Amino acid sequence: MIVLSRRLGPVLPASALPVLRAASAVYADDSVPDSLAVAAGAQRLTGSLPAGAVLLTCEGTPTAPEPAGAALLDAVAVMDRLRSPGGCPWDAEQTHESLLQYLVEETYELYQAIEDGERADIREELGDVLLQVLFHARVAAEDPAGDGAPFTIDDVAADLVAKLVGRHPHVFAGTERIDTAVAQEGRWEELKRAEKQRGSAVDGVPLGQPAVALAAKLVSRTARAGLPADLLPTGDDVGARLFREIAAAKRAGEEPESALRTTAREFADTVRAAEKAAGTDPHALTGEAWRAAWPS
């Protein structure tokens, strides 16, 4: 008996080939989908298995172990079903633009789950972010946006593989040696600049990200380009002062976005603790009542 994987189709280990060659016939039981039985060249088993024959089934542990990531095929299949005729009307109507709000929301929910250190939440939110990737790739496969260049989730994955391999020559090509994470970060940026042929040190910085993260990224990029610190924004307005604080933190090796978020969340927790201690409507508290309830 050979156990097939519904995900992988008629994929068999090399060890199964001698068994199939020696078989008098190949049969498939009712657990094997019709398309899989046809692809495997199997007959349907209607009675007992004849002597010398091999039975194909999808019940049990597959004879050919599924590689890591095989379950992603299920996710792709589910997205295909949702967007296909007879699927979900809401899913079928979505566009790249209508999905943007969910991409941002799910990313921040994953961010919070990682901050909280909740493993179950991290796992769930990673799935929600993955859904956004699958959704956008499926939309792109159906709608080339008028440029005649649709692409699929396989194209997305292939581009990612090419990028990772190309930007890690010390791992995949053995043409150079990098011993530290700092050295790799610098090399990554060099390879990226050469690949994208960017004319400015700040080209490619997403300007739509939160202001603290944006300022930190600009400081990081310009510092690598050798920009002197005295050329950072000057002035006494709040924007310039905040930018200088962010720059000082980033150049000191800190992450200002993460640090500010941590302080903000701690402040929110303290506010809730004070409200609970006060035991009344927080909007009715006076300044003195707030101070009396404030955790020491």
C-alpha atoms as a PDB file:
ATOM      1  CA  MET A   1       0.000   0.000   0.000  1.00  0.00           C
ATOM      2  CA  ILE A   2       1.216   3.501  -0.834  1.00  0.00           C
ATOM      3  CA  VAL A   3      -0.232   6.493   1.016  1.00  0.00           C
ATOM      4  CA  LEU A   4      -0.508   9.638  -1.118  1.00  0.00           C
ATOM      5  CA  SER A   5      -0.728  13.208   0.088  1.00  0.00           C
ATOM      6  CA  ARG A   6      -3.750  15.173  -1.146  1.00  0.00           C
ATOM      7  CA  ARG A   7      -1.554  18.259  -1.068  1.00  0.00           C
ATOM      8  CA  LEU A   8       1.296  16.880  -3.155  1.00  0.00           C
ATOM      9  CA  GLY A   9      -0.669  14.838  -5.665  1.00  0.00           C
ATOM     10  CA  PRO A  10       0.957  11.757  -7.236  1.00  0.00           C
ATOM     11  CA  VAL A  11       4.334  12.466  -5.656  1.00  0.00           C
ATOM     12  CA  LEU A  12       6.076   9.315  -4.512  1.00  0.00           C
ATOM     13  CA  PRO A  13       9.379   8.589  -2.800  1.00  0.00           C
ATOM     14  CA  ALA A  14      12.035   6.806  -4.892  1.00  0.00           C
ATOM     15  CA  SER A  15      11.640   3.779  -2.626  1.00  0.00           C
ATOM     16  CA  ALA A  16       8.085   3.269  -3.945  1.00  0.00           C
ATOM     17  CA  LEU A  17       9.122   2.953  -7.588  1.00  0.00           C
ATOM     18  CA  PRO A  18      10.321  -0.691  -7.388  1.00  0.00           C
ATOM     19  CA  VAL A  19       7.024  -1.611  -5.720  1.00  0.00           C
ATOM     20  CA  LEU A  20       5.011  -0.003  -8.516  1.00  0.00           C
ATOM     21  CA  ARG A  21       7.143  -1.572 -11.242  1.00  0.00           C
ATOM     22  CA  ALA A  22       6.678  -5.017  -9.741  1.00  0.00           C
ATOM     23  CA  ALA A  23       2.927  -4.583  -9.234  1.00  0.00           C
ATOM     24  CA  SER A  24       0.517  -6.506 -11.425  1.00  0.00           C
ATOM     25  CA  ALA A  25      -1.885  -3.544 -11.259  1.00  0.00           C
ATOM     26  CA  VAL A  26      -2.373  -0.260  -9.388  1.00  0.00           C
ATOM     27  CA  TYR A  27      -5.662   0.514  -7.642  1.00  0.00           C
ATOM     28  CA  ALA A  28      -6.981   3.511  -5.703  1.00  0.00           C
ATOM     29  CA  ASP A  29      -9.499   3.400  -2.875  1.00  0.00           C
ATOM     30  CA  ASP A  30     -12.340   5.878  -2.301  1.00  0.00           C
ATOM     31  CA  SER A  31     -10.118   8.256  -0.290  1.00  0.00           C
ATOM     32  CA  VAL A  32      -8.121   9.136  -3.432  1.00  0.00           C
ATOM     33  CA  PRO A  33      -9.704  11.996  -5.454  1.00  0.00           C
ATOM     34  CA  ASP A  34     -10.564  11.180  -9.074  1.00  0.00           C
ATOM     35  CA  SER A  35      -7.996  13.619 -10.453  1.00  0.00           C
ATOM     36  CA  LEU A  36      -5.281  12.062  -8.319  1.00  0.00           C
ATOM     37  CA  ALA A  37      -6.250   8.519  -9.305  1.00  0.00           C
ATOM     38  CA  VAL A  38      -6.142   9.433 -13.002  1.00  0.00           C
ATOM     39  CA  ALA A  39      -2.777  11.191 -12.614  1.00  0.00           C
ATOM     40  CA  ALA A  40      -1.386   8.099 -10.890  1.00  0.00           C
ATOM     41  CA  GLY A  41      -2.778   5.786 -13.582  1.00  0.00           C
ATOM     42  CA  ALA A  42      -4.747   3.828 -10.988  1.00  0.00           C
ATOM     43  CA  GLN A  43      -7.966   1.858 -11.340  1.00  0.00           C
ATOM     44  CA  ARG A  44     -10.779   2.162  -8.823  1.00  0.00           C
ATOM     45  CA  LEU A  45     -10.844  -0.691  -6.313  1.00  0.00           C
ATOM     46  CA  THR A  46     -14.328  -2.214  -6.238  1.00  0.00           C
ATOM     47  CA  GLY A  47     -13.644  -5.433  -4.391  1.00  0.00           C
ATOM     48  CA  SER A  48     -10.715  -7.078  -2.684  1.00  0.00           C
ATOM     49  CA  LEU A  49      -7.189  -6.200  -3.775  1.00  0.00           C
ATOM     50  CA  PRO A  50      -5.880  -8.740  -6.306  1.00  0.00           C
ATOM     51  CA  ALA A  51      -2.669 -10.576  -5.518  1.00  0.00           C
ATOM     52  CA  GLY A  52       0.415  -8.674  -6.610  1.00  0.00           C
ATOM     53  CA  ALA A  53      -1.443  -5.379  -6.944  1.00  0.00           C
ATOM     54  CA  VAL A  54      -0.625  -2.122  -5.149  1.00  0.00           C
ATOM     55  CA  LEU A  55      -3.248   0.021  -3.413  1.00  0.00           C
ATOM     56  CA  LEU A  56      -3.067   3.826  -3.402  1.00  0.00           C
ATOM     57  CA  THR A  57      -4.818   5.599  -0.517  1.00  0.00           C
ATOM     58  CA  CYS A  58      -4.916   9.023   1.099  1.00  0.00           C
ATOM     59  CA  GLU A  59      -5.738   7.636   4.532  1.00  0.00           C
ATOM     60  CA  GLY A  60      -2.840   7.613   6.980  1.00  0.00           C
ATOM     61  CA  THR A  61       0.646   9.074   7.046  1.00  0.00           C
ATOM     62  CA  PRO A  62       1.876   9.788   3.493  1.00  0.00           C
ATOM     63  CA  THR A  63       4.562   7.438   2.204  1.00  0.00           C
ATOM     64  CA  ALA A  64       6.395  10.483   0.852  1.00  0.00           C
ATOM     65  CA  PRO A  65       6.871  12.840   3.840  1.00  0.00           C
ATOM     66  CA  GLU A  66       5.443  16.282   3.177  1.00  0.00           C
ATOM     67  CA  PRO A  67       8.097  19.013   3.069  1.00  0.00           C
ATOM     68  CA  ALA A  68       7.998  22.007   5.370  1.00  0.00           C
ATOM     69  CA  GLY A  69       5.484  24.480   4.005  1.00  0.00           C
ATOM     70  CA  ALA A  70       3.210  21.871   2.435  1.00  0.00           C
ATOM     71  CA  ALA A  71       0.245  23.242   4.409  1.00  0.00           C
ATOM     72  CA  LEU A  72       0.658  26.514   2.512  1.00  0.00           C
ATOM     73  CA  LEU A  73      -0.838  24.695  -0.461  1.00  0.00           C
ATOM     74  CA  ASP A  74      -4.047  24.330   1.541  1.00  0.00           C
ATOM     75  CA  ALA A  75      -4.071  28.077   2.194  1.00  0.00           C
ATOM     76  CA  VAL A  76      -3.653  28.793  -1.520  1.00  0.00           C
ATOM     77  CA  ALA A  77      -6.463  26.345  -2.329  1.00  0.00           C
ATOM     78  CA  VAL A  78      -8.814  27.974   0.184  1.00  0.00           C
ATOM     79  CA  MET A  79      -8.130  31.431  -1.268  1.00  0.00           C
ATOM     80  CA  ASP A  80      -8.772  30.030  -4.732  1.00  0.00           C
ATOM     81  CA  ARG A  81     -12.130  28.658  -3.570  1.00  0.00           C
ATOM     82  CA  LEU A  82     -13.140  31.935  -1.924  1.00  0.00           C
ATOM     83  CA  ARG A  83     -12.406  34.009  -5.045  1.00  0.00           C
ATOM     84  CA  SER A  84     -13.798  31.528  -7.574  1.00  0.00           C
ATOM     85  CA  PRO A  85     -17.402  31.467  -8.854  1.00  0.00           C
ATOM     86  CA  GLY A  86     -19.659  30.071  -6.149  1.00  0.00           C
ATOM     87  CA  GLY A  87     -17.277  31.220  -3.434  1.00  0.00           C
ATOM     88  CA  CYS A  88     -17.673  34.172  -1.070  1.00  0.00           C
ATOM     89  CA  PRO A  89     -19.258  37.334  -2.556  1.00  0.00           C
ATOM     90  CA  TRP A  90     -17.343  39.627  -0.188  1.00  0.00           C
ATOM     91  CA  ASP A  91     -13.977  38.039  -0.947  1.00  0.00           C
ATOM     92  CA  ALA A  92     -14.708  38.149  -4.671  1.00  0.00           C
ATOM     93  CA  GLU A  93     -15.331  41.923  -4.587  1.00  0.00           C
ATOM     94  CA  GLN A  94     -12.092  42.918  -2.855  1.00  0.00           C
ATOM     95  CA  THR A  95      -9.350  44.876  -4.621  1.00  0.00           C
ATOM     96  CA  HIS A  96      -5.803  45.853  -3.699  1.00  0.00           C
ATOM     97  CA  GLU A  97      -7.145  49.219  -2.556  1.00  0.00           C
ATOM     98  CA  SER A  98     -10.046  47.887  -0.476  1.00  0.00           C
ATOM     99  CA  LEU A  99      -7.697  45.479   1.317  1.00  0.00           C
ATOM    100  CA  LEU A 100      -5.202  48.151   2.392  1.00  0.00           C
ATOM    101  CA  GLN A 101      -6.923  48.857   5.709  1.00  0.00           C
ATOM    102  CA  TYR A 102      -6.742  45.177   6.664  1.00  0.00           C
ATOM    103  CA  LEU A 103      -3.077  44.939   5.726  1.00  0.00           C
ATOM    104  CA  VAL A 104      -2.274  47.782   8.118  1.00  0.00           C
ATOM    105  CA  GLU A 105      -4.549  46.486  10.882  1.00  0.00           C
ATOM    106  CA  GLU A 106      -3.248  42.917  10.738  1.00  0.00           C
ATOM    107  CA  THR A 107       0.358  44.101  10.723  1.00  0.00           C
ATOM    108  CA  TYR A 108      -0.178  46.163  13.853  1.00  0.00           C
ATOM    109  CA  GLU A 109      -2.032  43.313  15.552  1.00  0.00           C
ATOM    110  CA  LEU A 110       0.963  41.061  14.875  1.00  0.00           C
ATOM    111  CA  TYR A 111       3.257  43.810  16.177  1.00  0.00           C
ATOM    112  CA  GLN A 112       1.266  43.962  19.421  1.00  0.00           C
ATOM    113  CA  ALA A 113       1.190  40.176  19.797  1.00  0.00           C
ATOM    114  CA  ILE A 114       4.993  40.093  19.519  1.00  0.00           C
ATOM    115  CA  GLU A 115       5.293  42.923  22.046  1.00  0.00           C
ATOM    116  CA  ASP A 116       3.013  41.019  24.437  1.00  0.00           C
ATOM    117  CA  GLY A 117       4.970  37.810  23.920  1.00  0.00           C
ATOM    118  CA  GLU A 118       1.782  35.756  23.529  1.00  0.00           C
ATOM    119  CA  ARG A 119       2.782  32.754  21.425  1.00  0.00           C
ATOM    120  CA  ALA A 120      -0.768  31.735  20.535  1.00  0.00           C
ATOM    121  CA  ASP A 121      -1.601  35.289  19.451  1.00  0.00           C
ATOM    122  CA  ILE A 122       1.611  35.542  17.413  1.00  0.00           C
ATOM    123  CA  ARG A 123       0.700  32.335  15.610  1.00  0.00           C
ATOM    124  CA  GLU A 124      -2.809  33.570  14.851  1.00  0.00           C
ATOM    125  CA  GLU A 125      -1.724  37.026  13.716  1.00  0.00           C
ATOM    126  CA  LEU A 126       0.987  35.586  11.463  1.00  0.00           C
ATOM    127  CA  GLY A 127      -1.802  33.670   9.762  1.00  0.00           C
ATOM    128  CA  ASP A 128      -3.787  36.876   9.297  1.00  0.00           C
ATOM    129  CA  VAL A 129      -0.769  38.612   7.736  1.00  0.00           C
ATOM    130  CA  LEU A 130      -0.228  35.580   5.481  1.00  0.00           C
ATOM    131  CA  LEU A 131      -3.864  35.881   4.412  1.00  0.00           C
ATOM    132  CA  GLN A 132      -3.166  39.399   3.170  1.00  0.00           C
ATOM    133  CA  VAL A 133      -0.267  38.128   1.039  1.00  0.00           C
ATOM    134  CA  LEU A 134      -2.410  35.344  -0.433  1.00  0.00           C
ATOM    135  CA  PHE A 135      -5.309  37.739  -1.018  1.00  0.00           C
ATOM    136  CA  HIS A 136      -3.259  40.368  -2.851  1.00  0.00           C
ATOM    137  CA  ALA A 137      -1.495  37.742  -4.949  1.00  0.00           C
ATOM    138  CA  ARG A 138      -4.823  36.213  -5.972  1.00  0.00           C
ATOM    139  CA  VAL A 139      -6.232  39.629  -6.902  1.00  0.00           C
ATOM    140  CA  ALA A 140      -3.123  40.300  -8.985  1.00  0.00           C
ATOM    141  CA  ALA A 141      -3.499  36.959 -10.755  1.00  0.00           C
ATOM    142  CA  GLU A 142      -7.045  37.890 -11.809  1.00  0.00           C
ATOM    143  CA  ASP A 143      -6.587  41.601 -12.484  1.00  0.00           C
ATOM    144  CA  PRO A 144      -3.463  42.816 -14.298  1.00  0.00           C
ATOM    145  CA  ALA A 145      -4.570  46.407 -13.654  1.00  0.00           C
ATOM    146  CA  GLY A 146      -4.401  47.137 -17.353  1.00  0.00           C
ATOM    147  CA  ASP A 147      -0.652  46.614 -17.726  1.00  0.00           C
ATOM    148  CA  GLY A 148      -0.842  43.091 -19.144  1.00  0.00           C
ATOM    149  CA  ALA A 149       1.332  41.668 -16.367  1.00  0.00           C
ATOM    150  CA  PRO A 150      -0.688  39.553 -13.947  1.00  0.00           C
ATOM    151  CA  PHE A 151       1.275  37.541 -11.403  1.00  0.00           C
ATOM    152  CA  THR A 152       0.560  34.693  -9.005  1.00  0.00           C
ATOM    153  CA  ILE A 153       1.575  33.645  -5.500  1.00  0.00           C
ATOM    154  CA  ASP A 154       4.224  31.426  -7.123  1.00  0.00           C
ATOM    155  CA  ASP A 155       5.719  34.485  -8.841  1.00  0.00           C
ATOM    156  CA  VAL A 156       5.793  36.278  -5.486  1.00  0.00           C
ATOM    157  CA  ALA A 157       7.551  33.329  -3.850  1.00  0.00           C
ATOM    158  CA  ALA A 158      10.023  32.948  -6.736  1.00  0.00           C
ATOM    159  CA  ASP A 159      10.955  36.637  -6.555  1.00  0.00           C
ATOM    160  CA  LEU A 160      11.489  36.338  -2.806  1.00  0.00           C
ATOM    161  CA  VAL A 161      13.730  33.302  -3.221  1.00  0.00           C
ATOM    162  CA  ALA A 162      15.794  35.088  -5.861  1.00  0.00           C
ATOM    163  CA  LYS A 163      16.147  38.132  -3.609  1.00  0.00           C
ATOM    164  CA  LEU A 164      17.198  36.133  -0.550  1.00  0.00           C
ATOM    165  CA  VAL A 165      19.722  34.072  -2.502  1.00  0.00           C
ATOM    166  CA  GLY A 166      21.100  37.097  -4.319  1.00  0.00           C
ATOM    167  CA  ARG A 167      21.553  39.112  -1.147  1.00  0.00           C
ATOM    168  CA  HIS A 168      23.244  36.267   0.749  1.00  0.00           C
ATOM    169  CA  PRO A 169      26.165  35.353  -1.525  1.00  0.00           C
ATOM    170  CA  HIS A 170      28.182  34.331   1.539  1.00  0.00           C
ATOM    171  CA  VAL A 171      25.582  31.627   2.229  1.00  0.00           C
ATOM    172  CA  PHE A 172      24.518  30.400  -1.205  1.00  0.00           C
ATOM    173  CA  ALA A 173      27.475  31.176  -3.484  1.00  0.00           C
ATOM    174  CA  GLY A 174      30.387  30.995  -1.079  1.00  0.00           C
ATOM    175  CA  THR A 175      32.000  33.929  -2.883  1.00  0.00           C
ATOM    176  CA  GLU A 176      32.597  36.026   0.229  1.00  0.00           C
ATOM    177  CA  ARG A 177      32.735  35.753   3.985  1.00  0.00           C
ATOM    178  CA  ILE A 178      30.602  37.653   6.488  1.00  0.00           C
ATOM    179  CA  ASP A 179      30.997  36.893  10.183  1.00  0.00           C
ATOM    180  CA  THR A 180      28.751  39.420  11.937  1.00  0.00           C
ATOM    181  CA  ALA A 181      25.164  40.604  11.699  1.00  0.00           C
ATOM    182  CA  VAL A 182      26.383  44.207  11.408  1.00  0.00           C
ATOM    183  CA  ALA A 183      28.536  43.329   8.407  1.00  0.00           C
ATOM    184  CA  GLN A 184      25.632  41.492   6.784  1.00  0.00           C
ATOM    185  CA  GLU A 185      23.299  44.456   7.302  1.00  0.00           C
ATOM    186  CA  GLY A 186      25.757  46.733   5.525  1.00  0.00           C
ATOM    187  CA  ARG A 187      26.318  44.239   2.718  1.00  0.00           C
ATOM    188  CA  TRP A 188      22.559  43.809   2.281  1.00  0.00           C
ATOM    189  CA  GLU A 189      22.180  47.548   1.747  1.00  0.00           C
ATOM    190  CA  GLU A 190      25.062  47.588  -0.748  1.00  0.00           C
ATOM    191  CA  LEU A 191      23.519  44.772  -2.774  1.00  0.00           C
ATOM    192  CA  LYS A 192      20.099  46.406  -2.603  1.00  0.00           C
ATOM    193  CA  ARG A 193      21.451  49.723  -3.896  1.00  0.00           C
ATOM    194  CA  ALA A 194      23.242  47.988  -6.763  1.00  0.00           C
ATOM    195  CA  GLU A 195      20.160  45.907  -7.599  1.00  0.00           C
ATOM    196  CA  LYS A 196      17.678  48.777  -7.539  1.00  0.00           C
ATOM    197  CA  GLN A 197      20.112  51.380  -8.885  1.00  0.00           C
ATOM    198  CA  ARG A 198      18.928  54.003  -6.444  1.00  0.00           C
ATOM    199  CA  GLY A 199      20.295  57.482  -6.919  1.00  0.00           C
ATOM    200  CA  SER A 200      19.625  58.730  -3.385  1.00  0.00           C
ATOM    201  CA  ALA A 201      20.452  57.412   0.062  1.00  0.00           C
ATOM    202  CA  VAL A 202      16.788  57.839   1.003  1.00  0.00           C
ATOM    203  CA  ASP A 203      15.230  56.296  -2.108  1.00  0.00           C
ATOM    204  CA  GLY A 204      12.946  53.412  -1.213  1.00  0.00           C
ATOM    205  CA  VAL A 205      12.146  54.609   2.312  1.00  0.00           C
ATOM    206  CA  PRO A 206       8.345  54.197   2.682  1.00  0.00           C
ATOM    207  CA  LEU A 207       7.111  57.682   3.574  1.00  0.00           C
ATOM    208  CA  GLY A 208       3.726  56.411   4.785  1.00  0.00           C
ATOM    209  CA  GLN A 209       5.082  54.702   7.915  1.00  0.00           C
ATOM    210  CA  PRO A 210       4.623  56.198  11.414  1.00  0.00           C
ATOM    211  CA  ALA A 211       6.589  59.411  11.914  1.00  0.00           C
ATOM    212  CA  VAL A 212       8.988  58.064  14.549  1.00  0.00           C
ATOM    213  CA  ALA A 213       9.829  55.007  12.454  1.00  0.00           C
ATOM    214  CA  LEU A 214      10.150  57.180   9.340  1.00  0.00           C
ATOM    215  CA  ALA A 215      12.567  59.592  11.024  1.00  0.00           C
ATOM    216  CA  ALA A 216      14.611  56.696  12.416  1.00  0.00           C
ATOM    217  CA  LYS A 217      14.842  55.058   8.987  1.00  0.00           C
ATOM    218  CA  LEU A 218      15.939  58.306   7.341  1.00  0.00           C
ATOM    219  CA  VAL A 219      18.596  58.786  10.027  1.00  0.00           C
ATOM    220  CA  SER A 220      19.829  55.226   9.551  1.00  0.00           C
ATOM    221  CA  ARG A 221      20.043  55.552   5.765  1.00  0.00           C
ATOM    222  CA  THR A 222      21.805  58.921   5.818  1.00  0.00           C
ATOM    223  CA  ALA A 223      24.218  57.842   8.558  1.00  0.00           C
ATOM    224  CA  ARG A 224      25.331  54.907   6.394  1.00  0.00           C
ATOM    225  CA  ALA A 225      25.872  57.409   3.578  1.00  0.00           C
ATOM    226  CA  GLY A 226      28.179  59.445   5.846  1.00  0.00           C
ATOM    227  CA  LEU A 227      25.886  62.413   6.464  1.00  0.00           C
ATOM    228  CA  PRO A 228      27.334  64.512   9.356  1.00  0.00           C
ATOM    229  CA  ALA A 229      25.091  64.793  12.413  1.00  0.00           C
ATOM    230  CA  ASP A 230      25.225  68.607  12.289  1.00  0.00           C
ATOM    231  CA  LEU A 231      23.233  68.522   9.033  1.00  0.00           C
ATOM    232  CA  LEU A 232      20.196  67.001  10.719  1.00  0.00           C
ATOM    233  CA  PRO A 233      17.126  69.270  11.049  1.00  0.00           C
ATOM    234  CA  THR A 234      17.659  72.304  13.250  1.00  0.00           C
ATOM    235  CA  GLY A 235      15.272  74.744  14.842  1.00  0.00           C
ATOM    236  CA  ASP A 236      13.159  74.964  17.977  1.00  0.00           C
ATOM    237  CA  ASP A 237       9.847  73.776  16.580  1.00  0.00           C
ATOM    238  CA  VAL A 238       8.505  70.534  17.973  1.00  0.00           C
ATOM    239  CA  GLY A 239       9.159  68.595  14.765  1.00  0.00           C
ATOM    240  CA  ALA A 240      12.853  69.496  14.658  1.00  0.00           C
ATOM    241  CA  ARG A 241      13.308  68.776  18.365  1.00  0.00           C
ATOM    242  CA  LEU A 242      11.633  65.378  18.059  1.00  0.00           C
ATOM    243  CA  PHE A 243      13.697  64.536  14.981  1.00  0.00           C
ATOM    244  CA  ARG A 244      16.932  65.304  16.853  1.00  0.00           C
ATOM    245  CA  GLU A 245      15.862  63.102  19.777  1.00  0.00           C
ATOM    246  CA  ILE A 246      15.043  60.269  17.404  1.00  0.00           C
ATOM    247  CA  ALA A 247      18.344  60.744  15.573  1.00  0.00           C
ATOM    248  CA  ALA A 248      20.325  60.652  18.811  1.00  0.00           C
ATOM    249  CA  ALA A 249      18.602  57.434  19.883  1.00  0.00           C
ATOM    250  CA  LYS A 250      19.063  55.758  16.484  1.00  0.00           C
ATOM    251  CA  ARG A 251      22.722  56.710  16.230  1.00  0.00           C
ATOM    252  CA  ALA A 252      23.201  55.297  19.736  1.00  0.00           C
ATOM    253  CA  GLY A 253      21.927  51.935  18.516  1.00  0.00           C
ATOM    254  CA  GLU A 254      18.438  52.184  20.040  1.00  0.00           C
ATOM    255  CA  GLU A 255      15.074  51.710  18.335  1.00  0.00           C
ATOM    256  CA  PRO A 256      13.028  54.866  19.067  1.00  0.00           C
ATOM    257  CA  GLU A 257       9.774  53.521  17.620  1.00  0.00           C
ATOM    258  CA  SER A 258       9.900  50.460  19.879  1.00  0.00           C
ATOM    259  CA  ALA A 259      11.033  52.485  22.877  1.00  0.00           C
ATOM    260  CA  LEU A 260       8.246  55.043  22.482  1.00  0.00           C
ATOM    261  CA  ARG A 261       5.648  52.319  22.019  1.00  0.00           C
ATOM    262  CA  THR A 262       6.847  50.607  25.201  1.00  0.00           C
ATOM    263  CA  THR A 263       6.577  53.842  27.186  1.00  0.00           C
ATOM    264  CA  ALA A 264       3.165  54.615  25.689  1.00  0.00           C
ATOM    265  CA  ARG A 265       1.798  51.161  26.533  1.00  0.00           C
ATOM    266  CA  GLU A 266       3.182  51.346  30.060  1.00  0.00           C
ATOM    267  CA  PHE A 267       1.493  54.741  30.437  1.00  0.00           C
ATOM    268  CA  ALA A 268      -1.825  53.286  29.241  1.00  0.00           C
ATOM    269  CA  ASP A 269      -1.527  50.454  31.779  1.00  0.00           C
ATOM    270  CA  THR A 270      -0.803  52.959  34.554  1.00  0.00           C
ATOM    271  CA  VAL A 271      -3.839  55.047  33.580  1.00  0.00           C
ATOM    272  CA  ARG A 272      -6.078  51.966  33.772  1.00  0.00           C
ATOM    273  CA  ALA A 273      -4.622  51.043  37.165  1.00  0.00           C
ATOM    274  CA  ALA A 274      -5.325  54.558  38.498  1.00  0.00           C
ATOM    275  CA  GLU A 275      -8.877  54.485  37.146  1.00  0.00           C
ATOM    276  CA  LYS A 276      -9.469  51.129  38.802  1.00  0.00           C
ATOM    277  CA  ALA A 277      -8.053  52.417  42.081  1.00  0.00           C
ATOM    278  CA  ALA A 278     -10.256  55.505  41.929  1.00  0.00           C
ATOM    279  CA  GLY A 279     -13.330  53.348  41.397  1.00  0.00           C
ATOM    280  CA  THR A 280     -15.325  56.012  39.580  1.00  0.00           C
ATOM    281  CA  ASP A 281     -15.884  57.530  36.159  1.00  0.00           C
ATOM    282  CA  PRO A 282     -12.407  58.688  35.052  1.00  0.00           C
ATOM    283  CA  HIS A 283     -13.935  61.710  33.324  1.00  0.00           C
ATOM    284  CA  ALA A 284     -15.184  62.906  36.717  1.00  0.00           C
ATOM    285  CA  LEU A 285     -11.756  62.777  38.390  1.00  0.00           C
ATOM    286  CA  THR A 286     -10.047  65.983  39.421  1.00  0.00           C
ATOM    287  CA  GLY A 287      -6.322  66.547  39.194  1.00  0.00           C
ATOM    288  CA  GLU A 288      -5.922  65.780  42.871  1.00  0.00           C
ATOM    289  CA  ALA A 289      -8.020  62.610  42.532  1.00  0.00           C
ATOM    290  CA  TRP A 290      -5.815  61.441  39.710  1.00  0.00           C
ATOM    291  CA  ARG A 291      -2.704  62.035  41.798  1.00  0.00           C
ATOM    292  CA  ALA A 292      -4.188  60.210  44.778  1.00  0.00           C
ATOM    293  CA  ALA A 293      -5.037  57.156  42.659  1.00  0.00           C
ATOM    294  CA  TRP A 294      -1.806  57.202  40.645  1.00  0.00           C
ATOM    295  CA  PRO A 295       0.373  54.121  41.311  1.00  0.00           C
ATOM    296  CA  SER A 296       3.513  55.036  43.215  1.00  0.00           C
END
